[in-house]
PDB file of N, CA and C in Angstrom:
ATOM      1  N   MET A   1      -0.958  17.067 -11.604  1.00  0.00           N
ATOM      2  CA  MET A   1      -1.470  17.992 -10.594  1.00  0.00           C
ATOM      3  C   MET A   1      -0.761  17.648  -9.287  1.00  0.00           C
ATOM      4  N   THR A   2      -0.289  18.689  -8.688  1.00  0.00           N
ATOM      5  CA  THR A   2       0.327  18.551  -7.381  1.00  0.00           C
ATOM      6  C   THR A   2      -0.500  19.320  -6.300  1.00  0.00           C
ATOM      7  N   VAL A   3      -0.661  18.543  -5.195  1.00  0.00           N
ATOM      8  CA  VAL A   3      -1.517  19.039  -4.081  1.00  0.00           C
ATOM      9  C   VAL A   3      -0.753  18.962  -2.876  1.00  0.00           C
ATOM     10  N   PHE A   4      -0.641  20.063  -2.126  1.00  0.00           N
ATOM     11  CA  PHE A   4      -0.026  20.053  -0.698  1.00  0.00           C
ATOM     12  C   PHE A   4      -1.209  20.313   0.256  1.00  0.00           C
ATOM     13  N   ALA A   5      -1.356  19.269   1.198  1.00  0.00           N
ATOM     14  CA  ALA A   5      -2.469  19.356   2.048  1.00  0.00           C
ATOM     15  C   ALA A   5      -1.905  18.901   3.526  1.00  0.00           C
ATOM     16  N   PRO A   6      -1.497  19.958   4.281  1.00  0.00           N
ATOM     17  CA  PRO A   6      -1.000  19.673   5.608  1.00  0.00           C
ATOM     18  C   PRO A   6      -2.049  19.034   6.581  1.00  0.00           C
ATOM     19  N   PHE A   7      -1.609  18.234   7.504  1.00  0.00           N
ATOM     20  CA  PHE A   7      -2.478  17.637   8.463  1.00  0.00           C
ATOM     21  C   PHE A   7      -2.314  18.630   9.645  1.00  0.00           C
ATOM     22  N   PRO A   8      -3.319  18.631  10.505  1.00  0.00           N
ATOM     23  CA  PRO A   8      -3.306  19.277  11.766  1.00  0.00           C
ATOM     24  C   PRO A   8      -2.067  18.770  12.583  1.00  0.00           C
ATOM     25  N   ALA A   9      -1.526  19.581  13.447  1.00  0.00           N
ATOM     26  CA  ALA A   9      -0.324  19.228  14.180  1.00  0.00           C
ATOM     27  C   ALA A   9      -0.602  18.154  15.142  1.00  0.00           C
ATOM     28  N   ASP A  10      -1.776  18.067  15.499  1.00  0.00           N
ATOM     29  CA  ASP A  10      -2.153  16.791  16.461  1.00  0.00           C
ATOM     30  C   ASP A  10      -2.721  15.622  15.758  1.00  0.00           C
ATOM     31  N   SER A  11      -2.498  15.520  14.522  1.00  0.00           N
ATOM     32  CA  SER A  11      -2.993  14.319  13.665  1.00  0.00           C
ATOM     33  C   SER A  11      -2.330  13.068  14.128  1.00  0.00           C
ATOM     34  N   THR A  12      -3.156  12.040  14.132  1.00  0.00           N
ATOM     35  CA  THR A  12      -2.462  10.580  14.427  1.00  0.00           C
ATOM     36  C   THR A  12      -2.402   9.829  13.217  1.00  0.00           C
ATOM     37  N   TYR A  13      -2.563  10.428  12.043  1.00  0.00           N
ATOM     38  CA  TYR A  13      -2.634   9.703  10.846  1.00  0.00           C
ATOM     39  C   TYR A  13      -1.224   9.078  10.425  1.00  0.00           C
ATOM     40  N   PHE A  14      -0.142   9.674  10.813  1.00  0.00           N
ATOM     41  CA  PHE A  14       1.182   9.032  10.780  1.00  0.00           C
ATOM     42  C   PHE A  14       1.929   9.474  11.848  1.00  0.00           C
ATOM     43  N   ALA A  15       3.055   8.840  11.967  1.00  0.00           N
ATOM     44  CA  ALA A  15       3.893   9.041  13.276  1.00  0.00           C
ATOM     45  C   ALA A  15       4.246  10.516  13.487  1.00  0.00           C
ATOM     46  N   VAL A  16       4.164  10.966  14.683  1.00  0.00           N
ATOM     47  CA  VAL A  16       4.393  12.415  15.177  1.00  0.00           C
ATOM     48  C   VAL A  16       5.708  12.787  14.845  1.00  0.00           C
ATOM     49  N   GLU A  17       6.805  11.854  15.024  1.00  0.00           N
ATOM     50  CA  GLU A  17       8.191  12.253  14.755  1.00  0.00           C
ATOM     51  C   GLU A  17       8.534  12.425  13.347  1.00  0.00           C
ATOM     52  N   GLN A  18       7.580  12.009  12.439  1.00  0.00           N
ATOM     53  CA  GLN A  18       7.854  12.249  10.956  1.00  0.00           C
ATOM     54  C   GLN A  18       7.384  13.620  10.562  1.00  0.00           C
ATOM     55  N   PRO A  19       8.279  14.368   9.864  1.00  0.00           N
ATOM     56  CA  PRO A  19       7.823  15.802   9.555  1.00  0.00           C
ATOM     57  C   PRO A  19       6.821  15.835   8.417  1.00  0.00           C
ATOM     58  N   PHE A  20       6.710  14.806   7.559  1.00  0.00           N
ATOM     59  CA  PHE A  20       5.800  14.857   6.516  1.00  0.00           C
ATOM     60  C   PHE A  20       5.548  13.440   5.878  1.00  0.00           C
ATOM     61  N   MET A  21       4.665  13.271   4.961  1.00  0.00           N
ATOM     62  CA  MET A  21       4.436  12.044   4.343  1.00  0.00           C
ATOM     63  C   MET A  21       4.058  12.331   2.875  1.00  0.00           C
ATOM     64  N   LEU A  22       4.672  11.637   1.930  1.00  0.00           N
ATOM     65  CA  LEU A  22       4.394  11.848   0.461  1.00  0.00           C
ATOM     66  C   LEU A  22       3.114  10.993   0.310  1.00  0.00           C
ATOM     67  N   ASN A  23       2.315  11.357  -0.679  1.00  0.00           N
ATOM     68  CA  ASN A  23       1.096  10.498  -0.937  1.00  0.00           C
ATOM     69  C   ASN A  23       1.057  10.579  -2.472  1.00  0.00           C
ATOM     70  N   LEU A  24       1.171   9.350  -3.091  1.00  0.00           N
ATOM     71  CA  LEU A  24       1.292   9.184  -4.511  1.00  0.00           C
ATOM     72  C   LEU A  24      -0.053   8.497  -5.080  1.00  0.00           C
ATOM     73  N   ARG A  25      -0.668   9.147  -6.045  1.00  0.00           N
ATOM     74  CA  ARG A  25      -1.896   8.544  -6.658  1.00  0.00           C
ATOM     75  C   ARG A  25      -1.421   7.450  -7.597  1.00  0.00           C
ATOM     76  N   VAL A  26      -2.014   6.203  -7.449  1.00  0.00           N
ATOM     77  CA  VAL A  26      -1.722   5.102  -8.226  1.00  0.00           C
ATOM     78  C   VAL A  26      -2.856   4.568  -8.823  1.00  0.00           C
ATOM     79  N   THR A  27      -2.694   3.688  -9.944  1.00  0.00           N
ATOM     80  CA  THR A  27      -3.750   2.782 -10.352  1.00  0.00           C
ATOM     81  C   THR A  27      -3.406   1.391 -10.108  1.00  0.00           C
ATOM     82  N   ASP A  28      -4.465   0.549  -9.944  1.00  0.00           N
ATOM     83  CA  ASP A  28      -4.369  -0.794  -9.575  1.00  0.00           C
ATOM     84  C   ASP A  28      -3.378  -1.105  -8.511  1.00  0.00           C
ATOM     85  N   LEU A  29      -3.907  -0.607  -7.237  1.00  0.00           N
ATOM     86  CA  LEU A  29      -3.067  -0.690  -5.976  1.00  0.00           C
ATOM     87  C   LEU A  29      -2.780  -2.145  -5.704  1.00  0.00           C
ATOM     88  N   ASP A  30      -3.622  -3.171  -5.984  1.00  0.00           N
ATOM     89  CA  ASP A  30      -3.283  -4.494  -5.624  1.00  0.00           C
ATOM     90  C   ASP A  30      -2.137  -4.996  -6.434  1.00  0.00           C
ATOM     91  N   ASP A  31      -2.081  -4.752  -7.762  1.00  0.00           N
ATOM     92  CA  ASP A  31      -1.024  -5.167  -8.544  1.00  0.00           C
ATOM     93  C   ASP A  31       0.341  -4.506  -8.129  1.00  0.00           C
ATOM     94  N   LEU A  32       0.248  -3.226  -7.936  1.00  0.00           N
ATOM     95  CA  LEU A  32       1.437  -2.482  -7.472  1.00  0.00           C
ATOM     96  C   LEU A  32       1.938  -3.131  -6.115  1.00  0.00           C
ATOM     97  N   VAL A  33       1.136  -3.324  -5.170  1.00  0.00           N
ATOM     98  CA  VAL A  33       1.606  -3.951  -3.903  1.00  0.00           C
ATOM     99  C   VAL A  33       2.156  -5.308  -4.172  1.00  0.00           C
ATOM    100  N   ASP A  34       1.542  -6.172  -4.970  1.00  0.00           N
ATOM    101  CA  ASP A  34       2.141  -7.419  -5.457  1.00  0.00           C
ATOM    102  C   ASP A  34       3.555  -7.254  -5.852  1.00  0.00           C
ATOM    103  N   ARG A  35       3.748  -6.396  -6.874  1.00  0.00           N
ATOM    104  CA  ARG A  35       5.010  -6.177  -7.404  1.00  0.00           C
ATOM    105  C   ARG A  35       6.029  -5.606  -6.511  1.00  0.00           C
ATOM    106  N   LEU A  36       5.550  -4.694  -5.555  1.00  0.00           N
ATOM    107  CA  LEU A  36       6.563  -4.122  -4.547  1.00  0.00           C
ATOM    108  C   LEU A  36       6.964  -5.330  -3.604  1.00  0.00           C
ATOM    109  N   GLU A  37       6.106  -6.174  -3.188  1.00  0.00           N
ATOM    110  CA  GLU A  37       6.321  -7.261  -2.272  1.00  0.00           C
ATOM    111  C   GLU A  37       7.229  -8.348  -2.872  1.00  0.00           C
ATOM    112  N   SER A  38       6.911  -8.534  -4.286  1.00  0.00           N
ATOM    113  CA  SER A  38       7.868  -9.426  -4.939  1.00  0.00           C
ATOM    114  C   SER A  38       9.263  -8.946  -5.089  1.00  0.00           C
ATOM    115  N   ALA A  39       9.493  -7.656  -5.002  1.00  0.00           N
ATOM    116  CA  ALA A  39      10.787  -7.017  -5.011  1.00  0.00           C
ATOM    117  C   ALA A  39      11.418  -6.939  -3.632  1.00  0.00           C
ATOM    118  N   GLY A  40      10.760  -7.447  -2.610  1.00  0.00           N
ATOM    119  CA  GLY A  40      11.227  -7.542  -1.291  1.00  0.00           C
ATOM    120  C   GLY A  40      11.027  -6.294  -0.414  1.00  0.00           C
ATOM    121  N   ILE A  41      10.062  -5.426  -0.968  1.00  0.00           N
ATOM    122  CA  ILE A  41       9.688  -4.128  -0.386  1.00  0.00           C
ATOM    123  C   ILE A  41       8.454  -4.368   0.597  1.00  0.00           C
ATOM    124  N   ALA A  42       8.665  -3.992   1.961  1.00  0.00           N
ATOM    125  CA  ALA A  42       7.586  -4.108   2.868  1.00  0.00           C
ATOM    126  C   ALA A  42       6.422  -3.233   2.537  1.00  0.00           C
ATOM    127  N   VAL A  43       5.257  -3.675   2.584  1.00  0.00           N
ATOM    128  CA  VAL A  43       4.072  -2.917   2.306  1.00  0.00           C
ATOM    129  C   VAL A  43       3.071  -3.001   3.365  1.00  0.00           C
ATOM    130  N   GLU A  44       2.575  -1.801   3.985  1.00  0.00           N
ATOM    131  CA  GLU A  44       1.705  -1.867   5.108  1.00  0.00           C
ATOM    132  C   GLU A  44       0.235  -1.596   4.548  1.00  0.00           C
ATOM    133  N   ARG A  45      -0.648  -2.416   4.935  1.00  0.00           N
ATOM    134  CA  ARG A  45      -2.065  -2.273   4.594  1.00  0.00           C
ATOM    135  C   ARG A  45      -2.876  -2.193   5.834  1.00  0.00           C
ATOM    136  N   ASN A  46      -3.940  -1.324   5.846  1.00  0.00           N
ATOM    137  CA  ASN A  46      -4.692  -1.269   7.057  1.00  0.00           C
ATOM    138  C   ASN A  46      -6.200  -0.911   6.536  1.00  0.00           C
ATOM    139  N   ALA A  47      -7.152  -1.824   6.747  1.00  0.00           N
ATOM    140  CA  ALA A  47      -8.489  -1.600   6.247  1.00  0.00           C
ATOM    141  C   ALA A  47      -9.114  -0.298   6.784  1.00  0.00           C
ATOM    142  N   ASP A  48      -8.574   0.238   8.005  1.00  0.00           N
ATOM    143  CA  ASP A  48      -9.036   1.543   8.476  1.00  0.00           C
ATOM    144  C   ASP A  48      -8.637   2.693   7.725  1.00  0.00           C
ATOM    145  N   TRP A  49      -7.559   2.591   6.921  1.00  0.00           N
ATOM    146  CA  TRP A  49      -7.103   3.635   6.012  1.00  0.00           C
ATOM    147  C   TRP A  49      -8.155   3.807   4.869  1.00  0.00           C
ATOM    148  N   ASP A  50      -8.727   2.810   4.420  1.00  0.00           N
ATOM    149  CA  ASP A  50      -9.599   2.905   3.088  1.00  0.00           C
ATOM    150  C   ASP A  50     -10.880   3.556   3.570  1.00  0.00           C
ATOM    151  N   SER A  51     -11.385   4.358   2.645  1.00  0.00           N
ATOM    152  CA  SER A  51     -12.525   5.089   2.868  1.00  0.00           C
ATOM    153  C   SER A  51     -13.262   5.357   1.539  1.00  0.00           C
ATOM    154  N   GLU A  52     -14.322   6.232   1.574  1.00  0.00           N
ATOM    155  CA  GLU A  52     -15.005   6.577   0.392  1.00  0.00           C
ATOM    156  C   GLU A  52     -14.105   7.359  -0.623  1.00  0.00           C
ATOM    157  N   ILE A  53     -13.034   7.879  -0.286  1.00  0.00           N
ATOM    158  CA  ILE A  53     -12.112   8.470  -1.206  1.00  0.00           C
ATOM    159  C   ILE A  53     -11.086   7.613  -1.955  1.00  0.00           C
ATOM    160  N   GLY A  54     -10.958   6.258  -1.343  1.00  0.00           N
ATOM    161  CA  GLY A  54     -10.137   5.326  -2.037  1.00  0.00           C
ATOM    162  C   GLY A  54      -9.481   4.333  -1.064  1.00  0.00           C
ATOM    163  N   ARG A  55      -8.517   3.694  -1.588  1.00  0.00           N
ATOM    164  CA  ARG A  55      -7.816   2.695  -0.787  1.00  0.00           C
ATOM    165  C   ARG A  55      -6.341   3.121  -0.663  1.00  0.00           C
ATOM    166  N   PHE A  56      -5.626   2.655   0.332  1.00  0.00           N
ATOM    167  CA  PHE A  56      -4.334   3.123   0.710  1.00  0.00           C
ATOM    168  C   PHE A  56      -3.457   2.075   1.114  1.00  0.00           C
ATOM    169  N   ALA A  57      -2.137   2.177   0.910  1.00  0.00           N
ATOM    170  CA  ALA A  57      -1.109   1.343   1.337  1.00  0.00           C
ATOM    171  C   ALA A  57       0.240   2.245   1.557  1.00  0.00           C
ATOM    172  N   ARG A  58       1.059   1.714   2.429  1.00  0.00           N
ATOM    173  CA  ARG A  58       2.292   2.538   2.627  1.00  0.00           C
ATOM    174  C   ARG A  58       3.552   1.780   2.622  1.00  0.00           C
ATOM    175  N   ILE A  59       4.587   2.395   2.064  1.00  0.00           N
ATOM    176  CA  ILE A  59       5.857   1.971   2.090  1.00  0.00           C
ATOM    177  C   ILE A  59       6.706   2.891   2.787  1.00  0.00           C
ATOM    178  N   HIS A  60       7.962   2.655   3.061  1.00  0.00           N
ATOM    179  CA  HIS A  60       8.809   3.718   3.718  1.00  0.00           C
ATOM    180  C   HIS A  60      10.137   3.898   2.934  1.00  0.00           C
ATOM    181  N   ASP A  61      10.657   5.139   2.981  1.00  0.00           N
ATOM    182  CA  ASP A  61      11.889   5.351   2.255  1.00  0.00           C
ATOM    183  C   ASP A  61      13.007   4.945   3.208  1.00  0.00           C
ATOM    184  N   PRO A  62      14.367   4.818   2.742  1.00  0.00           N
ATOM    185  CA  PRO A  62      15.398   4.398   3.516  1.00  0.00           C
ATOM    186  C   PRO A  62      15.567   4.923   4.818  1.00  0.00           C
ATOM    187  N   GLU A  63      15.076   6.114   5.165  1.00  0.00           N
ATOM    188  CA  GLU A  63      15.258   6.753   6.432  1.00  0.00           C
ATOM    189  C   GLU A  63      13.903   6.612   7.230  1.00  0.00           C
ATOM    190  N   GLY A  64      12.961   5.727   6.738  1.00  0.00           N
ATOM    191  CA  GLY A  64      11.831   5.449   7.481  1.00  0.00           C
ATOM    192  C   GLY A  64      10.674   6.459   7.319  1.00  0.00           C
ATOM    193  N   LEU A  65      10.758   7.483   6.434  1.00  0.00           N
ATOM    194  CA  LEU A  65       9.578   8.236   6.263  1.00  0.00           C
ATOM    195  C   LEU A  65       8.610   7.519   5.373  1.00  0.00           C
ATOM    196  N   PRO A  66       7.302   7.792   5.803  1.00  0.00           N
ATOM    197  CA  PRO A  66       6.283   6.992   5.048  1.00  0.00           C
ATOM    198  C   PRO A  66       6.009   7.538   3.682  1.00  0.00           C
ATOM    199  N   ILE A  67       5.702   6.704   2.870  1.00  0.00           N
ATOM    200  CA  ILE A  67       5.157   7.106   1.430  1.00  0.00           C
ATOM    201  C   ILE A  67       3.780   6.461   1.282  1.00  0.00           C
ATOM    202  N   GLU A  68       2.867   7.160   1.074  1.00  0.00           N
ATOM    203  CA  GLU A  68       1.494   6.528   0.982  1.00  0.00           C
ATOM    204  C   GLU A  68       1.096   6.391  -0.439  1.00  0.00           C
ATOM    205  N   LEU A  69       0.451   5.252  -0.800  1.00  0.00           N
ATOM    206  CA  LEU A  69       0.039   4.850  -2.086  1.00  0.00           C
ATOM    207  C   LEU A  69      -1.379   4.952  -2.109  1.00  0.00           C
ATOM    208  N   TRP A  70      -2.038   5.759  -2.943  1.00  0.00           N
ATOM    209  CA  TRP A  70      -3.442   6.020  -2.907  1.00  0.00           C
ATOM    210  C   TRP A  70      -4.100   5.648  -4.232  1.00  0.00           C
ATOM    211  N   GLU A  71      -5.020   4.776  -4.299  1.00  0.00           N
ATOM    212  CA  GLU A  71      -5.854   4.425  -5.424  1.00  0.00           C
ATOM    213  C   GLU A  71      -7.147   5.106  -5.134  1.00  0.00           C
ATOM    214  N   PRO A  72      -7.506   6.148  -5.901  1.00  0.00           N
ATOM    215  CA  PRO A  72      -8.846   6.901  -5.685  1.00  0.00           C
ATOM    216  C   PRO A  72      -9.991   5.894  -6.058  1.00  0.00           C
ATOM    217  N   ALA A  73     -11.057   6.235  -5.306  1.00  0.00           N
ATOM    218  CA  ALA A  73     -12.345   5.352  -5.593  1.00  0.00           C
ATOM    219  C   ALA A  73     -12.841   5.906  -6.961  1.00  0.00           C
ATOM    220  N   GLU A  74     -13.410   4.986  -7.598  1.00  0.00           N
ATOM    221  CA  GLU A  74     -14.048   5.289  -8.981  1.00  0.00           C
ATOM    222  C   GLU A  74     -15.317   6.075  -8.880  1.00  0.00           C
TER     223      GLU A  74
END
């Protein structure tokens, strides 16, 4: 399933200078974060991002665009 969900133009959810953000659904976010960090990839975590819909982490592509990793709540 592919979902496109635009944010409002005044959203502060990600940097205003970024035109978009990919959001990837993942399983076992903690394991994925451990593997990414073991490979030398910086991962951002912020408890404020987590909510009743799930938990989140972010990585960035080589140009600095955010890629959000989302583990849905069960």
